[in-house]
Amino acid sequence: MLSKRVSINEGEVRCYIYGSTHIRIPREDILREWLSRVDYVLIEGLSTRDWRSLIKQRPSAILIVLGVLTCFFLFHDMPAWIMDKWYRLKGKPPFKGDMSYVRDYAVKLGKKVELADASLCEVLSEQSVNLKHSLRVCNMGATLLIVVFIALVISSLYSNLPPTILISISISIIFIPITILLICAVVFVGDINEFRDSKVVKRTKELVEMGYSVLIVRGKRHIKFISSELRKHSIICEVYTS
């Protein structure tokens, strides 16, 4: 591995950023072209592996942790599973998600692949993350919706309401807990994105300064911050958003 640092020429492209959609396979022509130019590929992936032990360590964050797991299941795992079934039905290779596709494709072409992201445990223990804001908004939202939940239960038990209204209330009661978890997850993810993206910026800077070229594959919402931060370090990136 190279250890000697090289100068970065102004205007020289040493970095490529692919803004991906997680439930779609990235464009092979773009990836193939960029992979032919780079040495390293940095992919995204917030690890939730130790969520059980994390809840034991941080009981106050239980709604956030469960919210993140719920969010991943509803908006990543389930859509990826549906897309996989669709791809198989059309006779295409299995679909496991955009990052898995990029990782496998890059490894096949002999590129070094790194997961440049944080774990849920790391994020919750990091002082620079505004966890107090996440917990405050999460708890306020949970309290409000729990009050609504209790009011709906009481209304359905003691009020002589038409069947259609009772059905609507029953559906609302089912979805309120999910809504609480999603509110917690959305606020938390918004608060930690800058911390997560700063890690890939730091790693890209290290690799470019050592003389390597880098491909960053990230969700589209991360691209603006990453490219802006890299420009502050005189690292010019070519960007594609799917």
Protein backbone atom coordinates (compact mmCIF):
# COMPACT_ATOMS: atom_id res chain seq x y z
CA MET A 1 0.00 0.00 0.00
CA LEU A 2 1.36 3.45 -0.87
CA SER A 3 2.38 5.66 2.02
CA LYS A 4 3.90 8.57 0.14
CA ARG A 5 1.59 11.52 -0.24
CA VAL A 6 1.29 13.25 -3.57
CA SER A 7 0.14 16.75 -4.41
CA ILE A 8 -3.40 17.29 -5.67
CA ASN A 9 -3.40 19.29 -8.87
CA GLU A 10 -6.14 21.90 -9.08
CA GLY A 11 -8.92 20.70 -11.38
CA GLU A 12 -7.69 17.11 -11.42
CA VAL A 13 -10.51 14.58 -10.94
CA ARG A 14 -9.45 12.02 -8.35
CA CYS A 15 -12.91 11.37 -6.94
CA TYR A 16 -16.20 10.12 -8.39
CA ILE A 17 -19.53 10.21 -6.55
CA TYR A 18 -22.50 8.09 -7.56
CA GLY A 19 -25.78 9.22 -5.98
CA SER A 20 -27.74 6.00 -5.76
CA THR A 21 -31.35 4.98 -5.20
CA HIS A 22 -31.28 2.12 -2.71
CA ILE A 23 -34.00 0.00 -4.30
CA ARG A 24 -32.60 0.26 -7.83
CA ILE A 25 -29.51 -1.27 -9.41
CA PRO A 26 -27.02 1.50 -10.29
CA ARG A 27 -26.28 2.06 -13.97
CA GLU A 28 -23.72 -0.51 -15.07
CA ASP A 29 -22.26 1.69 -17.82
CA ILE A 30 -21.47 4.50 -15.36
CA LEU A 31 -20.04 2.11 -12.79
CA ARG A 32 -17.95 0.24 -15.33
CA GLU A 33 -16.47 3.48 -16.68
CA TRP A 34 -15.68 4.91 -13.26
CA LEU A 35 -14.39 1.64 -11.82
CA SER A 36 -11.85 1.52 -14.62
CA ARG A 37 -10.42 4.81 -13.27
CA VAL A 38 -10.38 4.23 -9.50
CA ASP A 39 -8.50 2.18 -6.93
CA TYR A 40 -10.95 2.31 -4.01
CA VAL A 41 -14.72 2.15 -3.68
CA LEU A 42 -16.37 3.57 -0.54
CA ILE A 43 -19.91 2.37 0.07
CA GLU A 44 -22.66 3.24 2.55
CA GLY A 45 -24.18 1.14 5.29
CA LEU A 46 -25.34 2.14 8.79
CA SER A 47 -24.74 -1.00 10.87
CA THR A 48 -27.50 -2.00 13.32
CA ARG A 49 -25.92 -5.32 14.27
CA ASP A 50 -25.67 -4.73 18.05
CA TRP A 51 -29.06 -3.12 18.54
CA ARG A 52 -30.11 -5.46 21.39
CA SER A 53 -27.08 -4.70 23.53
CA LEU A 54 -27.45 -1.03 22.61
CA ILE A 55 -30.97 -0.91 24.06
CA LYS A 56 -29.65 -2.44 27.30
CA GLN A 57 -26.88 0.16 27.47
CA ARG A 58 -29.06 3.13 26.46
CA PRO A 59 -32.69 2.45 27.52
CA SER A 60 -33.54 6.10 26.84
CA ALA A 61 -32.83 5.52 23.14
CA ILE A 62 -35.15 2.52 22.75
CA LEU A 63 -37.66 4.37 20.55
CA ILE A 64 -34.87 5.67 18.30
CA VAL A 65 -33.26 2.23 17.93
CA LEU A 66 -36.58 0.49 17.23
CA GLY A 67 -37.53 3.34 14.92
CA VAL A 68 -34.35 2.92 12.86
CA LEU A 69 -34.98 -0.85 12.60
CA THR A 70 -38.60 -0.22 11.56
CA CYS A 71 -37.53 2.38 9.01
CA PHE A 72 -34.92 0.05 7.51
CA PHE A 73 -37.47 -2.76 7.26
CA LEU A 74 -40.24 -0.67 5.68
CA PHE A 75 -38.16 1.46 3.31
CA HIS A 76 -35.13 -0.71 2.56
CA ASP A 77 -35.50 -4.40 3.35
CA MET A 78 -39.11 -4.82 2.22
CA PRO A 79 -38.73 -2.84 -1.05
CA ALA A 80 -35.47 -4.72 -1.78
CA TRP A 81 -37.30 -8.03 -1.19
CA ILE A 82 -40.11 -6.96 -3.54
CA MET A 83 -37.60 -5.85 -6.18
CA ASP A 84 -35.75 -9.15 -5.83
CA LYS A 85 -38.95 -11.09 -6.52
CA TRP A 86 -39.64 -8.83 -9.52
CA TYR A 87 -36.14 -9.30 -10.90
CA ARG A 88 -36.35 -13.08 -10.50
CA LEU A 89 -39.76 -13.09 -12.20
CA LYS A 90 -38.17 -11.30 -15.19
CA GLY A 91 -35.29 -13.77 -15.26
CA LYS A 92 -32.71 -11.29 -13.95
CA PRO A 93 -30.04 -11.95 -11.27
CA PRO A 94 -31.13 -11.64 -7.61
CA PHE A 95 -31.33 -8.11 -6.18
CA LYS A 96 -29.92 -7.53 -2.69
CA GLY A 97 -29.70 -3.74 -2.75
CA ASP A 98 -27.61 -1.12 -4.51
CA MET A 99 -24.62 -1.29 -2.14
CA SER A 100 -24.39 -5.07 -2.35
CA TYR A 101 -24.49 -4.82 -6.14
CA VAL A 102 -21.72 -2.21 -6.22
CA ARG A 103 -19.58 -4.16 -3.74
CA ASP A 104 -19.82 -7.41 -5.70
CA TYR A 105 -19.23 -5.67 -9.03
CA ALA A 106 -16.20 -3.76 -7.74
CA VAL A 107 -14.65 -6.86 -6.13
CA LYS A 108 -15.15 -8.75 -9.39
CA LEU A 109 -13.09 -6.05 -11.14
CA GLY A 110 -10.36 -6.27 -8.52
CA LYS A 111 -11.09 -2.99 -6.71
CA LYS A 112 -10.66 -2.42 -2.98
CA VAL A 113 -14.02 -1.87 -1.30
CA GLU A 114 -14.54 -0.25 2.10
CA LEU A 115 -17.63 0.42 4.17
CA ALA A 116 -17.14 4.12 4.97
CA ASP A 117 -19.93 4.64 7.47
CA ALA A 118 -20.79 4.37 11.16
CA SER A 119 -22.56 1.83 13.33
CA LEU A 120 -25.64 2.70 15.36
CA CYS A 121 -23.63 2.08 18.53
CA GLU A 122 -20.88 4.46 17.39
CA VAL A 123 -23.35 7.20 16.50
CA LEU A 124 -25.15 7.02 19.85
CA SER A 125 -21.88 7.19 21.76
CA GLU A 126 -20.43 10.08 19.72
CA GLN A 127 -20.48 13.42 21.53
CA SER A 128 -20.68 15.45 18.30
CA VAL A 129 -24.09 13.97 17.43
CA ASN A 130 -27.00 16.03 18.78
CA LEU A 131 -28.71 13.11 20.47
CA LYS A 132 -30.57 15.38 22.91
CA HIS A 133 -32.47 16.96 20.02
CA SER A 134 -33.42 13.55 18.62
CA LEU A 135 -34.60 12.29 22.02
CA ARG A 136 -36.57 15.48 22.75
CA VAL A 137 -38.47 15.48 19.46
CA CYS A 138 -38.95 11.71 19.61
CA ASN A 139 -40.37 11.80 23.14
CA MET A 140 -42.61 14.79 22.37
CA GLY A 141 -44.00 13.03 19.29
CA ALA A 142 -44.47 9.80 21.23
CA THR A 143 -46.28 11.57 24.08
CA LEU A 144 -48.64 13.38 21.73
CA LEU A 145 -49.48 10.24 19.77
CA ILE A 146 -49.93 8.17 22.93
CA VAL A 147 -52.50 10.72 24.14
CA VAL A 148 -54.27 10.41 20.79
CA PHE A 149 -54.03 6.61 21.07
CA ILE A 150 -55.69 6.62 24.52
CA ALA A 151 -58.41 9.00 23.32
CA LEU A 152 -59.17 6.75 20.36
CA VAL A 153 -59.34 3.64 22.55
CA ILE A 154 -61.71 5.33 24.97
CA SER A 155 -63.86 6.61 22.10
CA SER A 156 -64.12 3.17 20.56
CA LEU A 157 -65.04 1.54 23.90
CA TYR A 158 -67.58 3.98 25.29
CA SER A 159 -69.04 5.80 22.31
CA ASN A 160 -71.90 4.61 20.19
CA LEU A 161 -70.13 5.23 16.88
CA PRO A 162 -71.05 3.96 13.40
CA PRO A 163 -69.12 0.84 12.25
CA THR A 164 -67.18 2.78 9.61
CA ILE A 165 -65.86 5.20 12.25
CA LEU A 166 -64.92 2.29 14.53
CA ILE A 167 -63.00 0.66 11.70
CA SER A 168 -61.16 3.91 11.03
CA ILE A 169 -60.28 4.24 14.71
CA SER A 170 -59.05 0.63 14.81
CA ILE A 171 -56.79 1.26 11.82
CA SER A 172 -55.49 4.45 13.45
CA ILE A 173 -54.71 2.57 16.67
CA ILE A 174 -52.67 0.03 14.72
CA PHE A 175 -50.65 2.67 12.87
CA ILE A 176 -49.95 5.05 15.76
CA PRO A 177 -47.10 2.94 17.26
CA ILE A 178 -45.51 2.66 13.81
CA THR A 179 -45.88 6.41 13.31
CA ILE A 180 -44.10 7.06 16.63
CA LEU A 181 -41.16 4.87 15.61
CA LEU A 182 -40.92 6.47 12.16
CA ILE A 183 -40.93 10.00 13.61
CA CYS A 184 -38.08 9.01 15.94
CA ALA A 185 -36.13 7.41 13.10
CA VAL A 186 -36.55 10.31 10.66
CA VAL A 187 -35.43 12.92 13.21
CA PHE A 188 -32.49 10.79 14.34
CA VAL A 189 -31.27 9.98 10.83
CA GLY A 190 -31.44 13.67 9.94
CA ASP A 191 -29.32 14.53 13.00
CA ILE A 192 -26.61 11.93 12.27
CA ASN A 193 -26.22 12.27 8.49
CA GLU A 194 -23.53 14.94 8.74
CA PHE A 195 -21.52 12.82 11.18
CA ARG A 196 -21.79 9.77 8.90
CA ASP A 197 -20.90 11.72 5.77
CA SER A 198 -17.93 13.36 7.48
CA LYS A 199 -16.41 9.91 7.87
CA VAL A 200 -16.47 9.25 4.12
CA VAL A 201 -15.08 12.74 3.46
CA LYS A 202 -12.19 12.07 5.84
CA ARG A 203 -11.43 8.67 4.31
CA THR A 204 -11.61 10.03 0.75
CA LYS A 205 -9.19 12.82 1.66
CA GLU A 206 -6.76 10.28 3.12
CA LEU A 207 -6.85 8.07 0.03
CA VAL A 208 -6.55 10.92 -2.47
CA GLU A 209 -3.59 12.37 -0.57
CA MET A 210 -1.90 8.96 -0.82
CA GLY A 211 -2.31 9.03 -4.58
CA TYR A 212 -5.40 6.89 -4.99
CA SER A 213 -8.55 7.61 -6.98
CA VAL A 214 -11.85 6.97 -5.22
CA LEU A 215 -15.43 6.13 -6.13
CA ILE A 216 -18.01 7.04 -3.48
CA VAL A 217 -21.41 5.35 -3.74
CA ARG A 218 -23.98 6.96 -1.47
CA GLY A 219 -27.70 7.65 -1.30
CA LYS A 220 -28.69 10.73 -3.29
CA ARG A 221 -29.49 12.82 -0.21
CA HIS A 222 -25.87 12.59 0.96
CA ILE A 223 -24.26 13.85 -2.23
CA LYS A 224 -24.53 17.63 -1.81
CA PHE A 225 -22.82 17.68 1.59
CA ILE A 226 -20.05 15.23 0.60
CA SER A 227 -19.13 16.99 -2.65
CA SER A 228 -19.22 20.39 -0.94
CA GLU A 229 -16.94 19.26 1.89
CA LEU A 230 -14.47 17.63 -0.50
CA ARG A 231 -14.22 20.85 -2.51
CA LYS A 232 -13.04 22.57 0.67
CA HIS A 233 -10.04 20.21 0.54
CA SER A 234 -9.43 20.96 -3.17
CA ILE A 235 -10.71 17.53 -4.17
CA ILE A 236 -12.68 17.76 -7.40
CA CYS A 237 -15.35 15.10 -7.81
CA GLU A 238 -17.32 14.04 -10.84
CA VAL A 239 -20.90 13.45 -9.71
CA TYR A 240 -23.69 11.34 -11.15
CA THR A 241 -27.15 11.07 -9.57
CA SER A 242 -29.42 8.22 -10.69
